[in-house]
């Protein structure tokens, strides 16, 4: 019953304010099984056995020129050249790591927010990741590799 009451309080028919406990977040998953799959094949400077893959992630809002957002990721690696993937815990100190940060707010484009991400793994390791965006407006997720 409490959950239903909370849902009713959160339902809004107009624009929402961006402060306080009244902010409602919309959850959006990347299209498809993974946001990206491929190899960490860009050699690390000074560490030729470590491969990297760099990404620009864009969240595009459907209605709001400025919107609050955050990203959550899941990381996977493959030991059979990308045929199957198993989930990796990047906080466990393993050999596959995922780094995610908001892009510097220079040249802000209305309706868009950019994030920078990178994967670090043994060179040529097959990796994949999923994304989930939490936003104050409906949004789409676009991932571009930027090596």
C-alpha atoms as a PDB file:
ATOM      1  CA  UNK A   1       0.000   0.000   0.000  1.00  0.00           C
ATOM      2  CA  UNK A   2       2.838   2.389   0.859  1.00  0.00           C
ATOM      3  CA  UNK A   3       4.474   1.699  -2.502  1.00  0.00           C
ATOM      4  CA  UNK A   4       1.219   2.552  -4.318  1.00  0.00           C
ATOM      5  CA  UNK A   5       0.912   5.790  -2.332  1.00  0.00           C
ATOM      6  CA  UNK A   6       4.496   6.716  -3.190  1.00  0.00           C
ATOM      7  CA  UNK A   7       3.896   5.982  -6.877  1.00  0.00           C
ATOM      8  CA  UNK A   8       0.794   8.195  -6.861  1.00  0.00           C
ATOM      9  CA  UNK A   9       2.761  11.041  -5.242  1.00  0.00           C
ATOM     10  CA  UNK A  10       5.489  10.706  -7.889  1.00  0.00           C
ATOM     11  CA  UNK A  11       3.138  10.738 -10.866  1.00  0.00           C
ATOM     12  CA  UNK A  12       3.149  14.172 -12.439  1.00  0.00           C
ATOM     13  CA  UNK A  13       1.351  15.617 -15.434  1.00  0.00           C
ATOM     14  CA  UNK A  14       3.625  18.654 -15.798  1.00  0.00           C
ATOM     15  CA  UNK A  15       7.293  19.582 -15.704  1.00  0.00           C
ATOM     16  CA  UNK A  16       9.072  18.632 -12.520  1.00  0.00           C
ATOM     17  CA  UNK A  17      11.405  20.687 -10.386  1.00  0.00           C
ATOM     18  CA  UNK A  18      15.026  19.589 -10.177  1.00  0.00           C
ATOM     19  CA  UNK A  19      15.397  19.662  -6.417  1.00  0.00           C
ATOM     20  CA  UNK A  20      14.107  17.966  -3.330  1.00  0.00           C
ATOM     21  CA  UNK A  21      12.514  14.572  -2.822  1.00  0.00           C
ATOM     22  CA  UNK A  22       9.977  15.162  -5.596  1.00  0.00           C
ATOM     23  CA  UNK A  23      12.322  14.352  -8.496  1.00  0.00           C
ATOM     24  CA  UNK A  24      11.179  11.310 -10.460  1.00  0.00           C
ATOM     25  CA  UNK A  25      13.821   9.357 -12.372  1.00  0.00           C
ATOM     26  CA  UNK A  26      13.230   7.442 -15.569  1.00  0.00           C
ATOM     27  CA  UNK A  27      15.277   4.283 -16.119  1.00  0.00           C
ATOM     28  CA  UNK A  28      16.503   3.576 -19.682  1.00  0.00           C
ATOM     29  CA  UNK A  29      18.519   0.513 -20.726  1.00  0.00           C
ATOM     30  CA  UNK A  30      20.768   0.424 -23.777  1.00  0.00           C
ATOM     31  CA  UNK A  31      19.187  -1.073 -26.879  1.00  0.00           C
ATOM     32  CA  UNK A  32      20.128  -4.711 -27.522  1.00  0.00           C
ATOM     33  CA  UNK A  33      21.862  -7.138 -25.207  1.00  0.00           C
ATOM     34  CA  UNK A  34      24.984  -4.981 -24.768  1.00  0.00           C
ATOM     35  CA  UNK A  35      25.741  -1.308 -25.362  1.00  0.00           C
ATOM     36  CA  UNK A  36      29.049  -2.376 -26.962  1.00  0.00           C
ATOM     37  CA  UNK A  37      31.069  -5.540 -27.602  1.00  0.00           C
ATOM     38  CA  UNK A  38      34.564  -5.839 -29.043  1.00  0.00           C
ATOM     39  CA  UNK A  39      38.229  -6.028 -28.182  1.00  0.00           C
ATOM     40  CA  UNK A  40      40.333  -3.918 -25.861  1.00  0.00           C
ATOM     41  CA  UNK A  41      42.940  -3.620 -28.605  1.00  0.00           C
ATOM     42  CA  UNK A  42      44.395  -0.108 -28.316  1.00  0.00           C
ATOM     43  CA  UNK A  43      47.800  -0.621 -26.644  1.00  0.00           C
ATOM     44  CA  UNK A  44      48.441   1.283 -23.442  1.00  0.00           C
ATOM     45  CA  UNK A  45      51.392   3.688 -23.650  1.00  0.00           C
ATOM     46  CA  UNK A  46      54.276   2.084 -21.774  1.00  0.00           C
ATOM     47  CA  UNK A  47      52.380  -1.172 -21.147  1.00  0.00           C
ATOM     48  CA  UNK A  48      52.134  -3.142 -24.412  1.00  0.00           C
ATOM     49  CA  UNK A  49      50.372  -6.098 -22.756  1.00  0.00           C
ATOM     50  CA  UNK A  50      47.441  -3.886 -21.658  1.00  0.00           C
ATOM     51  CA  UNK A  51      44.718  -2.985 -24.138  1.00  0.00           C
ATOM     52  CA  UNK A  52      42.191  -0.201 -23.918  1.00  0.00           C
ATOM     53  CA  UNK A  53      38.962   0.880 -25.556  1.00  0.00           C
ATOM     54  CA  UNK A  54      37.704   4.458 -25.183  1.00  0.00           C
ATOM     55  CA  UNK A  55      34.107   5.626 -25.565  1.00  0.00           C
ATOM     56  CA  UNK A  56      31.930   8.714 -25.697  1.00  0.00           C
ATOM     57  CA  UNK A  57      28.442   8.047 -24.359  1.00  0.00           C
ATOM     58  CA  UNK A  58      25.698  10.524 -25.195  1.00  0.00           C
ATOM     59  CA  UNK A  59      22.365  10.772 -23.412  1.00  0.00           C
ATOM     60  CA  UNK A  60      19.835  12.678 -25.507  1.00  0.00           C
ATOM     61  CA  UNK A  61      16.746  14.029 -23.777  1.00  0.00           C
ATOM     62  CA  UNK A  62      13.365  13.853 -25.480  1.00  0.00           C
ATOM     63  CA  UNK A  63      11.967  17.092 -23.997  1.00  0.00           C
ATOM     64  CA  UNK A  64      14.289  18.851 -21.549  1.00  0.00           C
ATOM     65  CA  UNK A  65      17.153  21.069 -22.702  1.00  0.00           C
ATOM     66  CA  UNK A  66      18.822  20.497 -19.308  1.00  0.00           C
ATOM     67  CA  UNK A  67      18.180  17.301 -17.347  1.00  0.00           C
ATOM     68  CA  UNK A  68      19.670  15.424 -14.428  1.00  0.00           C
ATOM     69  CA  UNK A  69      21.239  12.080 -15.258  1.00  0.00           C
ATOM     70  CA  UNK A  70      23.503   9.317 -14.088  1.00  0.00           C
ATOM     71  CA  UNK A  71      24.826   6.110 -15.650  1.00  0.00           C
ATOM     72  CA  UNK A  72      25.178   2.611 -14.250  1.00  0.00           C
ATOM     73  CA  UNK A  73      27.158  -0.087 -16.040  1.00  0.00           C
ATOM     74  CA  UNK A  74      27.704  -3.837 -16.042  1.00  0.00           C
ATOM     75  CA  UNK A  75      30.986  -5.213 -17.397  1.00  0.00           C
ATOM     76  CA  UNK A  76      31.579  -8.551 -19.144  1.00  0.00           C
ATOM     77  CA  UNK A  77      34.520 -10.425 -20.660  1.00  0.00           C
ATOM     78  CA  UNK A  78      34.849 -13.419 -22.954  1.00  0.00           C
ATOM     79  CA  UNK A  79      37.383 -16.235 -22.930  1.00  0.00           C
ATOM     80  CA  UNK A  80      36.151 -17.702 -26.239  1.00  0.00           C
ATOM     81  CA  UNK A  81      36.645 -14.822 -28.718  1.00  0.00           C
ATOM     82  CA  UNK A  82      33.280 -13.185 -28.046  1.00  0.00           C
ATOM     83  CA  UNK A  83      31.053 -16.264 -28.336  1.00  0.00           C
ATOM     84  CA  UNK A  84      29.919 -16.002 -24.689  1.00  0.00           C
ATOM     85  CA  UNK A  85      30.436 -13.370 -22.002  1.00  0.00           C
ATOM     86  CA  UNK A  86      30.611 -13.630 -18.217  1.00  0.00           C
ATOM     87  CA  UNK A  87      30.038 -10.725 -15.859  1.00  0.00           C
ATOM     88  CA  UNK A  88      33.083  -9.104 -14.242  1.00  0.00           C
ATOM     89  CA  UNK A  89      33.175  -7.237 -10.947  1.00  0.00           C
ATOM     90  CA  UNK A  90      35.387  -4.217 -11.712  1.00  0.00           C
ATOM     91  CA  UNK A  91      35.762  -3.461  -7.997  1.00  0.00           C
ATOM     92  CA  UNK A  92      37.339  -6.864  -7.286  1.00  0.00           C
ATOM     93  CA  UNK A  93      40.724  -5.819  -8.658  1.00  0.00           C
ATOM     94  CA  UNK A  94      40.683  -8.213 -11.620  1.00  0.00           C
ATOM     95  CA  UNK A  95      42.369  -7.763 -14.984  1.00  0.00           C
ATOM     96  CA  UNK A  96      39.367  -6.026 -16.642  1.00  0.00           C
ATOM     97  CA  UNK A  97      38.431  -2.521 -15.481  1.00  0.00           C
ATOM     98  CA  UNK A  98      35.775   0.008 -16.554  1.00  0.00           C
ATOM     99  CA  UNK A  99      36.138   3.732 -15.892  1.00  0.00           C
ATOM    100  CA  UNK A 100      33.230   6.156 -16.286  1.00  0.00           C
ATOM    101  CA  UNK A 101      33.085   9.917 -15.763  1.00  0.00           C
ATOM    102  CA  UNK A 102      30.991  12.855 -16.935  1.00  0.00           C
ATOM    103  CA  UNK A 103      32.583  14.762 -19.820  1.00  0.00           C
ATOM    104  CA  UNK A 104      33.791  18.279 -19.077  1.00  0.00           C
ATOM    105  CA  UNK A 105      30.902  20.743 -19.530  1.00  0.00           C
ATOM    106  CA  UNK A 106      32.572  22.700 -22.333  1.00  0.00           C
ATOM    107  CA  UNK A 107      30.416  23.465 -25.362  1.00  0.00           C
ATOM    108  CA  UNK A 108      27.285  22.068 -23.731  1.00  0.00           C
ATOM    109  CA  UNK A 109      24.690  21.066 -26.288  1.00  0.00           C
ATOM    110  CA  UNK A 110      21.055  21.458 -25.215  1.00  0.00           C
ATOM    111  CA  UNK A 111      19.198  18.147 -24.791  1.00  0.00           C
ATOM    112  CA  UNK A 112      22.501  16.202 -24.531  1.00  0.00           C
ATOM    113  CA  UNK A 113      24.849  15.067 -21.797  1.00  0.00           C
ATOM    114  CA  UNK A 114      28.124  13.327 -22.568  1.00  0.00           C
ATOM    115  CA  UNK A 115      30.065  10.777 -20.547  1.00  0.00           C
ATOM    116  CA  UNK A 116      33.538   9.366 -21.130  1.00  0.00           C
ATOM    117  CA  UNK A 117      34.294   5.699 -20.522  1.00  0.00           C
ATOM    118  CA  UNK A 118      37.245   3.385 -20.971  1.00  0.00           C
ATOM    119  CA  UNK A 119      37.901  -0.311 -20.614  1.00  0.00           C
ATOM    120  CA  UNK A 120      41.324  -1.629 -19.612  1.00  0.00           C
ATOM    121  CA  UNK A 121      42.123  -5.343 -20.044  1.00  0.00           C
ATOM    122  CA  UNK A 122      44.875  -7.643 -21.296  1.00  0.00           C
ATOM    123  CA  UNK A 123      45.523  -6.702 -24.929  1.00  0.00           C
ATOM    124  CA  UNK A 124      42.924  -8.060 -27.398  1.00  0.00           C
ATOM    125  CA  UNK A 125      40.584  -9.347 -24.672  1.00  0.00           C
ATOM    126  CA  UNK A 126      36.960  -9.490 -25.834  1.00  0.00           C
ATOM    127  CA  UNK A 127      34.827  -7.313 -23.568  1.00  0.00           C
ATOM    128  CA  UNK A 128      31.279  -5.981 -23.433  1.00  0.00           C
ATOM    129  CA  UNK A 129      29.243  -3.624 -21.287  1.00  0.00           C
ATOM    130  CA  UNK A 130      25.630  -2.743 -20.601  1.00  0.00           C
ATOM    131  CA  UNK A 131      24.389   0.698 -19.608  1.00  0.00           C
ATOM    132  CA  UNK A 132      21.408   1.986 -17.707  1.00  0.00           C
ATOM    133  CA  UNK A 133      20.633   5.705 -17.576  1.00  0.00           C
ATOM    134  CA  UNK A 134      18.725   7.308 -14.725  1.00  0.00           C
ATOM    135  CA  UNK A 135      17.347  10.619 -15.988  1.00  0.00           C
ATOM    136  CA  UNK A 136      14.716  13.221 -15.159  1.00  0.00           C
ATOM    137  CA  UNK A 137      13.412  13.057 -18.741  1.00  0.00           C
ATOM    138  CA  UNK A 138      13.068  10.270 -21.268  1.00  0.00           C
ATOM    139  CA  UNK A 139      16.409   9.798 -23.009  1.00  0.00           C
ATOM    140  CA  UNK A 140      18.216   7.671 -25.555  1.00  0.00           C
ATOM    141  CA  UNK A 141      21.719   6.242 -25.121  1.00  0.00           C
ATOM    142  CA  UNK A 142      24.334   6.389 -27.889  1.00  0.00           C
ATOM    143  CA  UNK A 143      27.792   4.816 -27.570  1.00  0.00           C
ATOM    144  CA  UNK A 144      30.686   5.688 -29.898  1.00  0.00           C
ATOM    145  CA  UNK A 145      34.156   4.190 -29.677  1.00  0.00           C
ATOM    146  CA  UNK A 146      36.811   6.944 -29.643  1.00  0.00           C
ATOM    147  CA  UNK A 147      40.304   5.428 -29.926  1.00  0.00           C
END
